[in-house]
Amino acid sequence: MKHPREIIISPVMTEKSSNQLSNNNSYTFKVSTQANKIEIKKAIERIFSVVVSDVNTMQMRGKIKRMGRFSGKRPDWKKAIVTLKKGYSIPDFEV
């Protein structure tokens, strides 16, 4: 298995993810594109010492950006929405 810090890249803090955090106890992370749900679950449990009940993943397509007549593309990335069991939380995310 890969090191957990190679699987979990960074948290995603948006208005929608903040609403999910307060309503559903769900946290959003940017993860490795090769990681599967089982690896993500084990990595979150090892890093934060919590119990994960559900993991949902989605492939995010990179946007096409232009500078003048030149166009380029941002890289594709993977997002994971991790739901924790009742009574567990990650204190670094609490607002």
PDB file of N, CA and C in Angstrom:
ATOM      1  N   MET A   1       0.832  -1.190   0.000  1.00  0.00           N
ATOM      2  CA  MET A   1       0.000   0.000   0.000  1.00  0.00           C
ATOM      3  C   MET A   1       0.871   1.245   0.000  1.00  0.00           C
ATOM      4  N   LYS A   2       0.422   2.253  -0.668  1.00  0.00           N
ATOM      5  CA  LYS A   2       1.135   3.529  -0.698  1.00  0.00           C
ATOM      6  C   LYS A   2       1.066   4.197   0.669  1.00  0.00           C
ATOM      7  N   HIS A   3       1.964   5.141   0.875  1.00  0.00           N
ATOM      8  CA  HIS A   3       1.927   5.933   2.101  1.00  0.00           C
ATOM      9  C   HIS A   3       0.657   6.794   2.078  1.00  0.00           C
ATOM     10  N   PRO A   4      -0.021   6.946   3.226  1.00  0.00           N
ATOM     11  CA  PRO A   4      -1.288   7.713   3.239  1.00  0.00           C
ATOM     12  C   PRO A   4      -1.156   9.138   2.725  1.00  0.00           C
ATOM     13  N   ARG A   5      -0.007   9.763   2.933  1.00  0.00           N
ATOM     14  CA  ARG A   5       0.174  11.145   2.454  1.00  0.00           C
ATOM     15  C   ARG A   5       0.328  11.212   0.940  1.00  0.00           C
ATOM     16  N   GLU A   6       0.631  10.090   0.282  1.00  0.00           N
ATOM     17  CA  GLU A   6       0.673  10.061  -1.181  1.00  0.00           C
ATOM     18  C   GLU A   6      -0.737   9.937  -1.757  1.00  0.00           C
ATOM     19  N   ILE A   7      -1.644   9.371  -0.992  1.00  0.00           N
ATOM     20  CA  ILE A   7      -3.022   9.178  -1.456  1.00  0.00           C
ATOM     21  C   ILE A   7      -3.846  10.447  -1.240  1.00  0.00           C
ATOM     22  N   ILE A   8      -3.775  11.021  -0.037  1.00  0.00           N
ATOM     23  CA  ILE A   8      -4.524  12.237   0.287  1.00  0.00           C
ATOM     24  C   ILE A   8      -3.626  13.430  -0.039  1.00  0.00           C
ATOM     25  N   ILE A   9      -4.022  14.230  -1.023  1.00  0.00           N
ATOM     26  CA  ILE A   9      -3.186  15.356  -1.454  1.00  0.00           C
ATOM     27  C   ILE A   9      -3.502  16.607  -0.636  1.00  0.00           C
ATOM     28  N   SER A  10      -4.768  17.004  -0.587  1.00  0.00           N
ATOM     29  CA  SER A  10      -5.127  18.201   0.159  1.00  0.00           C
ATOM     30  C   SER A  10      -6.624  18.223   0.421  1.00  0.00           C
ATOM     31  N   PRO A  11      -7.052  18.975   1.437  1.00  0.00           N
ATOM     32  CA  PRO A  11      -8.492  19.150   1.644  1.00  0.00           C
ATOM     33  C   PRO A  11      -9.053  20.156   0.647  1.00  0.00           C
ATOM     34  N   VAL A  12     -10.337  20.037   0.368  1.00  0.00           N
ATOM     35  CA  VAL A  12     -11.026  20.985  -0.514  1.00  0.00           C
ATOM     36  C   VAL A  12     -12.001  21.761   0.357  1.00  0.00           C
ATOM     37  N   MET A  13     -11.762  23.051   0.522  1.00  0.00           N
ATOM     38  CA  MET A  13     -12.626  23.887   1.353  1.00  0.00           C
ATOM     39  C   MET A  13     -13.385  24.869   0.465  1.00  0.00           C
ATOM     40  N   THR A  14     -14.624  24.536   0.178  1.00  0.00           N
ATOM     41  CA  THR A  14     -15.506  25.409  -0.590  1.00  0.00           C
ATOM     42  C   THR A  14     -16.777  25.609   0.218  1.00  0.00           C
ATOM     43  N   GLU A  15     -17.659  26.440  -0.287  1.00  0.00           N
ATOM     44  CA  GLU A  15     -18.924  26.668   0.410  1.00  0.00           C
ATOM     45  C   GLU A  15     -19.755  25.383   0.456  1.00  0.00           C
ATOM     46  N   LYS A  16     -19.761  24.646  -0.636  1.00  0.00           N
ATOM     47  CA  LYS A  16     -20.522  23.401  -0.688  1.00  0.00           C
ATOM     48  C   LYS A  16     -19.937  22.366   0.280  1.00  0.00           C
ATOM     49  N   SER A  17     -18.610  22.248   0.335  1.00  0.00           N
ATOM     50  CA  SER A  17     -18.005  21.273   1.250  1.00  0.00           C
ATOM     51  C   SER A  17     -18.222  21.678   2.708  1.00  0.00           C
ATOM     52  N   SER A  18     -18.278  22.967   2.995  1.00  0.00           N
ATOM     53  CA  SER A  18     -18.571  23.418   4.356  1.00  0.00           C
ATOM     54  C   SER A  18     -19.996  23.057   4.761  1.00  0.00           C
ATOM     55  N   ASN A  19     -20.943  23.178   3.828  1.00  0.00           N
ATOM     56  CA  ASN A  19     -22.326  22.779   4.105  1.00  0.00           C
ATOM     57  C   ASN A  19     -22.431  21.279   4.346  1.00  0.00           C
ATOM     58  N   GLN A  20     -21.701  20.488   3.551  1.00  0.00           N
ATOM     59  CA  GLN A  20     -21.710  19.038   3.745  1.00  0.00           C
ATOM     60  C   GLN A  20     -21.101  18.666   5.086  1.00  0.00           C
ATOM     61  N   LEU A  21     -20.088  19.406   5.502  1.00  0.00           N
ATOM     62  CA  LEU A  21     -19.445  19.138   6.785  1.00  0.00           C
ATOM     63  C   LEU A  21     -20.417  19.357   7.933  1.00  0.00           C
ATOM     64  N   SER A  22     -21.141  20.462   7.898  1.00  0.00           N
ATOM     65  CA  SER A  22     -22.058  20.759   9.000  1.00  0.00           C
ATOM     66  C   SER A  22     -23.326  19.900   8.964  1.00  0.00           C
ATOM     67  N   ASN A  23     -23.789  19.517   7.775  1.00  0.00           N
ATOM     68  CA  ASN A  23     -25.044  18.753   7.672  1.00  0.00           C
ATOM     69  C   ASN A  23     -24.847  17.242   7.742  1.00  0.00           C
ATOM     70  N   ASN A  24     -23.824  16.720   7.063  1.00  0.00           N
ATOM     71  CA  ASN A  24     -23.698  15.268   6.898  1.00  0.00           C
ATOM     72  C   ASN A  24     -22.446  14.674   7.535  1.00  0.00           C
ATOM     73  N   ASN A  25     -21.614  15.477   8.184  1.00  0.00           N
ATOM     74  CA  ASN A  25     -20.336  15.013   8.729  1.00  0.00           C
ATOM     75  C   ASN A  25     -19.468  14.439   7.605  1.00  0.00           C
ATOM     76  N   SER A  26     -19.467  15.124   6.437  1.00  0.00           N
ATOM     77  CA  SER A  26     -18.707  14.696   5.264  1.00  0.00           C
ATOM     78  C   SER A  26     -17.574  15.672   4.994  1.00  0.00           C
ATOM     79  N   TYR A  27     -16.402  15.140   4.699  1.00  0.00           N
ATOM     80  CA  TYR A  27     -15.219  15.939   4.424  1.00  0.00           C
ATOM     81  C   TYR A  27     -14.795  15.683   2.982  1.00  0.00           C
ATOM     82  N   THR A  28     -14.289  16.720   2.315  1.00  0.00           N
ATOM     83  CA  THR A  28     -13.912  16.621   0.915  1.00  0.00           C
ATOM     84  C   THR A  28     -12.402  16.753   0.787  1.00  0.00           C
ATOM     85  N   PHE A  29     -11.796  15.852  -0.011  1.00  0.00           N
ATOM     86  CA  PHE A  29     -10.351  15.846  -0.200  1.00  0.00           C
ATOM     87  C   PHE A  29     -10.010  15.707  -1.675  1.00  0.00           C
ATOM     88  N   LYS A  30      -8.873  16.291  -2.053  1.00  0.00           N
ATOM     89  CA  LYS A  30      -8.281  16.043  -3.358  1.00  0.00           C
ATOM     90  C   LYS A  30      -7.356  14.850  -3.165  1.00  0.00           C
ATOM     91  N   VAL A  31      -7.543  13.788  -3.972  1.00  0.00           N
ATOM     92  CA  VAL A  31      -6.796  12.553  -3.783  1.00  0.00           C
ATOM     93  C   VAL A  31      -6.062  12.173  -5.066  1.00  0.00           C
ATOM     94  N   SER A  32      -5.183  11.191  -4.954  1.00  0.00           N
ATOM     95  CA  SER A  32      -4.436  10.685  -6.097  1.00  0.00           C
ATOM     96  C   SER A  32      -5.394  10.088  -7.122  1.00  0.00           C
ATOM     97  N   THR A  33      -5.108  10.275  -8.395  1.00  0.00           N
ATOM     98  CA  THR A  33      -6.009   9.782  -9.441  1.00  0.00           C
ATOM     99  C   THR A  33      -6.002   8.258  -9.523  1.00  0.00           C
ATOM    100  N   GLN A  34      -4.945   7.602  -9.022  1.00  0.00           N
ATOM    101  CA  GLN A  34      -4.874   6.142  -9.064  1.00  0.00           C
ATOM    102  C   GLN A  34      -5.469   5.481  -7.820  1.00  0.00           C
ATOM    103  N   ALA A  35      -5.834   6.264  -6.808  1.00  0.00           N
ATOM    104  CA  ALA A  35      -6.328   5.701  -5.544  1.00  0.00           C
ATOM    105  C   ALA A  35      -7.762   5.209  -5.696  1.00  0.00           C
ATOM    106  N   ASN A  36      -8.074   4.087  -5.034  1.00  0.00           N
ATOM    107  CA  ASN A  36      -9.448   3.597  -5.029  1.00  0.00           C
ATOM    108  C   ASN A  36     -10.075   3.890  -3.672  1.00  0.00           C
ATOM    109  N   LYS A  37     -11.363   3.543  -3.525  1.00  0.00           N
ATOM    110  CA  LYS A  37     -12.103   3.894  -2.310  1.00  0.00           C
ATOM    111  C   LYS A  37     -11.528   3.226  -1.067  1.00  0.00           C
ATOM    112  N   ILE A  38     -11.071   2.008  -1.183  1.00  0.00           N
ATOM    113  CA  ILE A  38     -10.526   1.284  -0.034  1.00  0.00           C
ATOM    114  C   ILE A  38      -9.241   1.948   0.449  1.00  0.00           C
ATOM    115  N   GLU A  39      -8.358   2.311  -0.485  1.00  0.00           N
ATOM    116  CA  GLU A  39      -7.107   2.995  -0.123  1.00  0.00           C
ATOM    117  C   GLU A  39      -7.386   4.348   0.518  1.00  0.00           C
ATOM    118  N   ILE A  40      -8.364   5.073  -0.009  1.00  0.00           N
ATOM    119  CA  ILE A  40      -8.717   6.382   0.548  1.00  0.00           C
ATOM    120  C   ILE A  40      -9.244   6.225   1.966  1.00  0.00           C
ATOM    121  N   LYS A  41     -10.109   5.245   2.189  1.00  0.00           N
ATOM    122  CA  LYS A  41     -10.665   5.000   3.520  1.00  0.00           C
ATOM    123  C   LYS A  41      -9.561   4.681   4.524  1.00  0.00           C
ATOM    124  N   LYS A  42      -8.653   3.782   4.178  1.00  0.00           N
ATOM    125  CA  LYS A  42      -7.567   3.404   5.087  1.00  0.00           C
ATOM    126  C   LYS A  42      -6.632   4.580   5.361  1.00  0.00           C
ATOM    127  N   ALA A  43      -6.366   5.406   4.336  1.00  0.00           N
ATOM    128  CA  ALA A  43      -5.480   6.556   4.506  1.00  0.00           C
ATOM    129  C   ALA A  43      -6.089   7.581   5.458  1.00  0.00           C
ATOM    130  N   ILE A  44      -7.381   7.884   5.305  1.00  0.00           N
ATOM    131  CA  ILE A  44      -8.059   8.842   6.187  1.00  0.00           C
ATOM    132  C   ILE A  44      -8.060   8.319   7.623  1.00  0.00           C
ATOM    133  N   GLU A  45      -8.348   7.029   7.784  1.00  0.00           N
ATOM    134  CA  GLU A  45      -8.380   6.455   9.132  1.00  0.00           C
ATOM    135  C   GLU A  45      -7.003   6.492   9.793  1.00  0.00           C
ATOM    136  N   ARG A  46      -5.925   6.277   9.018  1.00  0.00           N
ATOM    137  CA  ARG A  46      -4.573   6.316   9.591  1.00  0.00           C
ATOM    138  C   ARG A  46      -4.118   7.726   9.909  1.00  0.00           C
ATOM    139  N   ILE A  47      -4.398   8.675   9.029  1.00  0.00           N
ATOM    140  CA  ILE A  47      -3.913  10.045   9.223  1.00  0.00           C
ATOM    141  C   ILE A  47      -4.633  10.729  10.376  1.00  0.00           C
ATOM    142  N   PHE A  48      -5.972  10.629  10.415  1.00  0.00           N
ATOM    143  CA  PHE A  48      -6.768  11.406  11.365  1.00  0.00           C
ATOM    144  C   PHE A  48      -7.301  10.602  12.551  1.00  0.00           C
ATOM    145  N   SER A  49      -7.073   9.299  12.611  1.00  0.00           N
ATOM    146  CA  SER A  49      -7.542   8.432  13.699  1.00  0.00           C
ATOM    147  C   SER A  49      -9.062   8.544  13.903  1.00  0.00           C
ATOM    148  N   VAL A  50      -9.807   8.345  12.817  1.00  0.00           N
ATOM    149  CA  VAL A  50     -11.264   8.380  12.843  1.00  0.00           C
ATOM    150  C   VAL A  50     -11.790   7.103  12.196  1.00  0.00           C
ATOM    151  N   VAL A  51     -13.101   6.891  12.251  1.00  0.00           N
ATOM    152  CA  VAL A  51     -13.730   5.743  11.599  1.00  0.00           C
ATOM    153  C   VAL A  51     -14.580   6.262  10.440  1.00  0.00           C
ATOM    154  N   VAL A  52     -14.286   5.776   9.243  1.00  0.00           N
ATOM    155  CA  VAL A  52     -14.967   6.215   8.023  1.00  0.00           C
ATOM    156  C   VAL A  52     -16.126   5.265   7.740  1.00  0.00           C
ATOM    157  N   SER A  53     -17.295   5.827   7.440  1.00  0.00           N
ATOM    158  CA  SER A  53     -18.441   4.985   7.111  1.00  0.00           C
ATOM    159  C   SER A  53     -18.665   4.888   5.603  1.00  0.00           C
ATOM    160  N   ASP A  54     -18.311   5.929   4.828  1.00  0.00           N
ATOM    161  CA  ASP A  54     -18.595   5.909   3.399  1.00  0.00           C
ATOM    162  C   ASP A  54     -17.603   6.793   2.652  1.00  0.00           C
ATOM    163  N   VAL A  55     -17.256   6.373   1.428  1.00  0.00           N
ATOM    164  CA  VAL A  55     -16.376   7.152   0.558  1.00  0.00           C
ATOM    165  C   VAL A  55     -17.014   7.235  -0.819  1.00  0.00           C
ATOM    166  N   ASN A  56     -17.184   8.442  -1.324  1.00  0.00           N
ATOM    167  CA  ASN A  56     -17.666   8.672  -2.688  1.00  0.00           C
ATOM    168  C   ASN A  56     -16.558   9.389  -3.449  1.00  0.00           C
ATOM    169  N   THR A  57     -16.276   8.927  -4.675  1.00  0.00           N
ATOM    170  CA  THR A  57     -15.220   9.548  -5.473  1.00  0.00           C
ATOM    171  C   THR A  57     -15.792  10.036  -6.795  1.00  0.00           C
ATOM    172  N   MET A  58     -15.124  11.014  -7.360  1.00  0.00           N
ATOM    173  CA  MET A  58     -15.498  11.518  -8.680  1.00  0.00           C
ATOM    174  C   MET A  58     -14.269  12.062  -9.403  1.00  0.00           C
ATOM    175  N   GLN A  59     -14.257  11.883 -10.714  1.00  0.00           N
ATOM    176  CA  GLN A  59     -13.182  12.392 -11.556  1.00  0.00           C
ATOM    177  C   GLN A  59     -13.539  13.816 -11.977  1.00  0.00           C
ATOM    178  N   MET A  60     -12.665  14.749 -11.693  1.00  0.00           N
ATOM    179  CA  MET A  60     -12.887  16.142 -12.068  1.00  0.00           C
ATOM    180  C   MET A  60     -12.031  16.438 -13.307  1.00  0.00           C
ATOM    181  N   ARG A  61     -12.649  16.923 -14.337  1.00  0.00           N
ATOM    182  CA  ARG A  61     -11.936  17.241 -15.570  1.00  0.00           C
ATOM    183  C   ARG A  61     -11.312  18.630 -15.460  1.00  0.00           C
ATOM    184  N   GLY A  62     -10.089  18.773 -15.943  1.00  0.00           N
ATOM    185  CA  GLY A  62      -9.408  20.062 -15.913  1.00  0.00           C
ATOM    186  C   GLY A  62     -10.040  21.036 -16.889  1.00  0.00           C
ATOM    187  N   LYS A  63     -10.066  22.295 -16.494  1.00  0.00           N
ATOM    188  CA  LYS A  63     -10.676  23.315 -17.340  1.00  0.00           C
ATOM    189  C   LYS A  63      -9.717  23.730 -18.454  1.00  0.00           C
ATOM    190  N   ILE A  64     -10.294  24.163 -19.571  1.00  0.00           N
ATOM    191  CA  ILE A  64      -9.507  24.719 -20.668  1.00  0.00           C
ATOM    192  C   ILE A  64      -9.348  26.214 -20.399  1.00  0.00           C
ATOM    193  N   LYS A  65      -8.126  26.681 -20.410  1.00  0.00           N
ATOM    194  CA  LYS A  65      -7.839  28.090 -20.142  1.00  0.00           C
ATOM    195  C   LYS A  65      -7.089  28.674 -21.329  1.00  0.00           C
ATOM    196  N   ARG A  66      -7.300  29.980 -21.552  1.00  0.00           N
ATOM    197  CA  ARG A  66      -6.638  30.661 -22.660  1.00  0.00           C
ATOM    198  C   ARG A  66      -5.881  31.875 -22.169  1.00  0.00           C
ATOM    199  N   MET A  67      -4.757  32.132 -22.810  1.00  0.00           N
ATOM    200  CA  MET A  67      -4.036  33.387 -22.627  1.00  0.00           C
ATOM    201  C   MET A  67      -3.792  33.933 -24.025  1.00  0.00           C
ATOM    202  N   GLY A  68      -4.613  34.883 -24.431  1.00  0.00           N
ATOM    203  CA  GLY A  68      -4.517  35.407 -25.783  1.00  0.00           C
ATOM    204  C   GLY A  68      -4.947  34.358 -26.786  1.00  0.00           C
ATOM    205  N   ARG A  69      -4.084  34.078 -27.741  1.00  0.00           N
ATOM    206  CA  ARG A  69      -4.432  33.078 -28.744  1.00  0.00           C
ATOM    207  C   ARG A  69      -3.977  31.681 -28.372  1.00  0.00           C
ATOM    208  N   PHE A  70      -3.265  31.550 -27.248  1.00  0.00           N
ATOM    209  CA  PHE A  70      -2.778  30.247 -26.802  1.00  0.00           C
ATOM    210  C   PHE A  70      -3.759  29.629 -25.821  1.00  0.00           C
ATOM    211  N   SER A  71      -4.049  28.358 -26.025  1.00  0.00           N
ATOM    212  CA  SER A  71      -4.944  27.682 -25.088  1.00  0.00           C
ATOM    213  C   SER A  71      -4.198  26.530 -24.433  1.00  0.00           C
ATOM    214  N   GLY A  72      -4.597  26.243 -23.213  1.00  0.00           N
ATOM    215  CA  GLY A  72      -4.005  25.152 -22.461  1.00  0.00           C
ATOM    216  C   GLY A  72      -5.070  24.489 -21.623  1.00  0.00           C
ATOM    217  N   LYS A  73      -4.668  23.495 -20.869  1.00  0.00           N
ATOM    218  CA  LYS A  73      -5.634  22.738 -20.068  1.00  0.00           C
ATOM    219  C   LYS A  73      -5.028  22.483 -18.701  1.00  0.00           C
ATOM    220  N   ARG A  74      -5.848  22.715 -17.669  1.00  0.00           N
ATOM    221  CA  ARG A  74      -5.436  22.367 -16.318  1.00  0.00           C
ATOM    222  C   ARG A  74      -5.509  20.846 -16.166  1.00  0.00           C
ATOM    223  N   PRO A  75      -4.727  20.280 -15.268  1.00  0.00           N
ATOM    224  CA  PRO A  75      -4.732  18.816 -15.150  1.00  0.00           C
ATOM    225  C   PRO A  75      -6.040  18.283 -14.561  1.00  0.00           C
ATOM    226  N   ASP A  76      -6.371  17.047 -14.940  1.00  0.00           N
ATOM    227  CA  ASP A  76      -7.511  16.354 -14.346  1.00  0.00           C
ATOM    228  C   ASP A  76      -7.139  15.941 -12.919  1.00  0.00           C
ATOM    229  N   TRP A  77      -8.150  15.831 -12.040  1.00  0.00           N
ATOM    230  CA  TRP A  77      -7.888  15.434 -10.663  1.00  0.00           C
ATOM    231  C   TRP A  77      -9.061  14.643 -10.118  1.00  0.00           C
ATOM    232  N   LYS A  78      -8.874  14.043  -8.968  1.00  0.00           N
ATOM    233  CA  LYS A  78      -9.896  13.200  -8.373  1.00  0.00           C
ATOM    234  C   LYS A  78     -10.301  13.768  -7.024  1.00  0.00           C
ATOM    235  N   LYS A  79     -11.611  13.774  -6.757  1.00  0.00           N
ATOM    236  CA  LYS A  79     -12.159  14.296  -5.511  1.00  0.00           C
ATOM    237  C   LYS A  79     -12.835  13.166  -4.758  1.00  0.00           C
ATOM    238  N   ALA A  80     -12.634  13.138  -3.431  1.00  0.00           N
ATOM    239  CA  ALA A  80     -13.270  12.132  -2.587  1.00  0.00           C
ATOM    240  C   ALA A  80     -14.062  12.832  -1.497  1.00  0.00           C
ATOM    241  N   ILE A  81     -15.310  12.407  -1.317  1.00  0.00           N
ATOM    242  CA  ILE A  81     -16.144  12.906  -0.229  1.00  0.00           C
ATOM    243  C   ILE A  81     -16.243  11.772   0.792  1.00  0.00           C
ATOM    244  N   VAL A  82     -15.679  12.017   1.974  1.00  0.00           N
ATOM    245  CA  VAL A  82     -15.555  10.999   3.012  1.00  0.00           C
ATOM    246  C   VAL A  82     -16.549  11.307   4.127  1.00  0.00           C
ATOM    247  N   THR A  83     -17.430  10.355   4.434  1.00  0.00           N
ATOM    248  CA  THR A  83     -18.391  10.504   5.516  1.00  0.00           C
ATOM    249  C   THR A  83     -17.909   9.712   6.716  1.00  0.00           C
ATOM    250  N   LEU A  84     -17.858  10.380   7.873  1.00  0.00           N
ATOM    251  CA  LEU A  84     -17.404   9.737   9.102  1.00  0.00           C
ATOM    252  C   LEU A  84     -18.599   9.211   9.890  1.00  0.00           C
ATOM    253  N   LYS A  85     -18.328   8.220  10.736  1.00  0.00           N
ATOM    254  CA  LYS A  85     -19.386   7.697  11.606  1.00  0.00           C
ATOM    255  C   LYS A  85     -19.747   8.734  12.649  1.00  0.00           C
ATOM    256  N   LYS A  86     -20.951   8.594  13.221  1.00  0.00           N
ATOM    257  CA  LYS A  86     -21.419   9.541  14.246  1.00  0.00           C
ATOM    258  C   LYS A  86     -20.455   9.574  15.414  1.00  0.00           C
ATOM    259  N   GLY A  87     -20.210  10.771  15.926  1.00  0.00           N
ATOM    260  CA  GLY A  87     -19.332  10.935  17.073  1.00  0.00           C
ATOM    261  C   GLY A  87     -17.883  11.205  16.703  1.00  0.00           C
ATOM    262  N   TYR A  88     -17.514  11.052  15.435  1.00  0.00           N
ATOM    263  CA  TYR A  88     -16.146  11.307  14.991  1.00  0.00           C
ATOM    264  C   TYR A  88     -16.095  12.616  14.218  1.00  0.00           C
ATOM    265  N   SER A  89     -14.994  13.313  14.348  1.00  0.00           N
ATOM    266  CA  SER A  89     -14.779  14.534  13.572  1.00  0.00           C
ATOM    267  C   SER A  89     -13.286  14.770  13.428  1.00  0.00           C
ATOM    268  N   ILE A  90     -12.943  15.623  12.490  1.00  0.00           N
ATOM    269  CA  ILE A  90     -11.548  16.019  12.288  1.00  0.00           C
ATOM    270  C   ILE A  90     -11.440  17.448  12.793  1.00  0.00           C
ATOM    271  N   PRO A  91     -10.751  17.683  13.935  1.00  0.00           N
ATOM    272  CA  PRO A  91     -10.772  19.008  14.559  1.00  0.00           C
ATOM    273  C   PRO A  91     -10.129  20.112  13.717  1.00  0.00           C
ATOM    274  N   ASP A  92      -9.202  19.779  12.809  1.00  0.00           N
ATOM    275  CA  ASP A  92      -8.540  20.816  12.002  1.00  0.00           C
ATOM    276  C   ASP A  92      -9.507  21.490  11.029  1.00  0.00           C
ATOM    277  N   PHE A  93     -10.613  20.829  10.693  1.00  0.00           N
ATOM    278  CA  PHE A  93     -11.568  21.365   9.733  1.00  0.00           C
ATOM    279  C   PHE A  93     -12.672  22.171  10.350  1.00  0.00           C
ATOM    280  N   GLU A  94     -12.860  22.060  11.643  1.00  0.00           N
ATOM    281  CA  GLU A  94     -13.974  22.743  12.297  1.00  0.00           C
ATOM    282  C   GLU A  94     -13.800  24.246  12.218  1.00  0.00           C
ATOM    283  N   VAL A  95     -14.890  24.936  11.867  1.00  0.00           N
ATOM    284  CA  VAL A  95     -14.834  26.397  11.721  1.00  0.00           C
ATOM    285  C   VAL A  95     -15.394  27.069  12.952  1.00  0.00           C
TER     286      VAL A  95
END
